[in-house]
Amino acid sequence: MIKARKHRYLLVVSFPQLDMLDKRNAMLMLASIRQFVGYASYAFANPIVIKVFHDNMFVLRCNRGYEKQMALALAFSRRIGDLSIAFCTIKTSGTIKTIKELAGGISLKS
């Protein structure tokens, strides 16, 4: 029997704005995470960008138990390609509904 993994959702903001709808930027951000946590932890965490709210706000989904590692890896990421960038994790939640409600109430100006 295969057990379904439980997920955690991280609401993340990037400064300056980074278009996460562009798959290249999303892949570079995930590669940056992999650089900090290593291949094994990255594979167990299975991070993926699932929703983009604003130009600089997105939701990162990962497996439960790895959300702190993902938040730390994002905090230490300073470059995406040729762009200097900073990521800030606003909220971690077990449901996407809570993240959507919070993201809807936030208006960020960079």
Protein backbone atom coordinates (compact mmCIF):
# COMPACT_ATOMS: atom_id res chain seq x y z
CA MET A 1 0.00 0.00 0.00
CA ILE A 2 1.33 3.42 -0.95
CA LYS A 3 0.80 6.16 1.62
CA ALA A 4 -0.15 9.58 0.39
CA ARG A 5 2.26 12.26 1.54
CA LYS A 6 0.94 15.26 3.39
CA HIS A 7 1.99 18.63 2.08
CA ARG A 8 2.85 22.00 3.53
CA TYR A 9 2.39 25.25 1.64
CA LEU A 10 4.76 28.21 1.92
CA LEU A 11 3.66 31.70 0.92
CA VAL A 12 6.83 33.32 -0.43
CA VAL A 13 7.60 36.86 -1.58
CA SER A 14 10.53 37.77 -3.83
CA PHE A 15 12.28 41.13 -3.85
CA PRO A 16 12.68 42.52 -6.51
CA GLN A 17 9.82 41.12 -8.56
CA LEU A 18 10.52 37.78 -10.19
CA ASP A 19 8.09 36.42 -12.77
CA MET A 20 7.42 32.92 -11.43
CA LEU A 21 5.05 32.22 -14.34
CA ASP A 22 8.21 31.96 -16.43
CA LYS A 23 9.23 28.30 -16.05
CA ARG A 24 12.91 29.21 -16.39
CA ASN A 25 12.75 31.41 -13.26
CA ALA A 26 10.87 28.72 -11.34
CA MET A 27 13.44 26.09 -12.32
CA LEU A 28 16.35 28.36 -11.35
CA MET A 29 14.73 29.03 -7.97
CA LEU A 30 14.24 25.29 -7.37
CA ALA A 31 17.86 24.66 -8.41
CA SER A 32 18.94 27.24 -5.85
CA ILE A 33 17.00 25.35 -3.17
CA ARG A 34 18.61 22.09 -4.26
CA GLN A 35 22.04 23.69 -3.93
CA PHE A 36 21.44 24.45 -0.24
CA VAL A 37 19.58 21.33 0.93
CA GLY A 38 21.28 18.73 -1.26
CA TYR A 39 19.87 16.23 -3.72
CA ALA A 40 18.54 13.74 -1.15
CA SER A 41 16.61 16.26 0.94
CA TYR A 42 15.38 17.96 -2.22
CA ALA A 43 14.01 14.65 -3.51
CA PHE A 44 12.25 13.91 -0.22
CA ALA A 45 10.86 17.45 0.05
CA ASN A 46 9.63 17.47 -3.57
CA PRO A 47 9.16 21.28 -3.79
CA ILE A 48 7.06 22.77 -6.58
CA VAL A 49 5.60 26.20 -7.35
CA ILE A 50 1.84 25.66 -7.53
CA LYS A 51 0.34 29.15 -7.59
CA VAL A 52 1.47 32.68 -8.41
CA PHE A 53 -0.57 35.45 -6.78
CA HIS A 54 1.14 38.73 -7.62
CA ASP A 55 4.23 39.58 -9.59
CA ASN A 56 6.38 38.75 -6.60
CA MET A 57 4.24 36.38 -4.46
CA PHE A 58 3.91 32.64 -4.99
CA VAL A 59 3.08 29.39 -3.19
CA LEU A 60 5.67 26.65 -2.84
CA ARG A 61 4.39 23.17 -1.97
CA CYS A 62 6.62 20.63 -0.24
CA ASN A 63 6.22 17.44 1.76
CA ARG A 64 5.49 17.76 5.47
CA GLY A 65 8.59 17.82 7.63
CA TYR A 66 10.71 19.69 5.07
CA GLU A 67 9.03 23.11 5.21
CA LYS A 68 11.71 24.57 7.51
CA GLN A 69 14.49 23.41 5.22
CA MET A 70 12.71 24.93 2.22
CA ALA A 71 12.20 28.26 4.03
CA LEU A 72 15.87 28.35 5.09
CA ALA A 73 17.10 27.48 1.60
CA LEU A 74 14.97 30.29 0.16
CA ALA A 75 16.31 32.72 2.76
CA PHE A 76 19.90 31.87 1.78
CA SER A 77 19.26 32.11 -1.97
CA ARG A 78 20.72 35.37 -3.24
CA ARG A 79 20.98 34.92 -7.00
CA ILE A 80 18.62 33.55 -9.62
CA GLY A 81 20.50 33.48 -12.88
CA ASP A 82 22.00 36.96 -13.29
CA LEU A 83 19.51 38.63 -10.91
CA SER A 84 20.23 39.46 -7.27
CA ILE A 85 17.15 38.50 -5.30
CA ALA A 86 15.83 37.90 -1.79
CA PHE A 87 13.04 35.53 -0.79
CA CYS A 88 10.93 35.96 2.34
CA THR A 89 8.58 33.25 3.62
CA ILE A 90 5.46 34.98 4.89
CA LYS A 91 3.43 32.00 6.14
CA THR A 92 3.56 28.22 6.26
CA SER A 93 0.30 26.31 6.35
CA GLY A 94 -1.08 22.81 6.00
CA THR A 95 -3.90 23.93 3.71
CA ILE A 96 -3.89 25.88 0.49
CA LYS A 97 -7.13 27.59 1.56
CA THR A 98 -5.41 29.43 4.42
CA ILE A 99 -2.59 30.55 2.13
CA LYS A 100 -5.07 31.84 -0.49
CA GLU A 101 -6.99 33.80 2.16
CA LEU A 102 -3.80 35.38 3.47
CA ALA A 103 -2.43 36.16 0.00
CA GLY A 104 -5.70 37.79 -1.00
CA GLY A 105 -5.43 40.23 1.90
CA ILE A 106 -1.83 41.26 1.26
CA SER A 107 -0.89 43.98 -1.16
CA LEU A 108 2.84 44.30 -1.60
CA LYS A 109 4.73 47.08 -3.27
CA SER A 110 8.40 46.52 -4.00
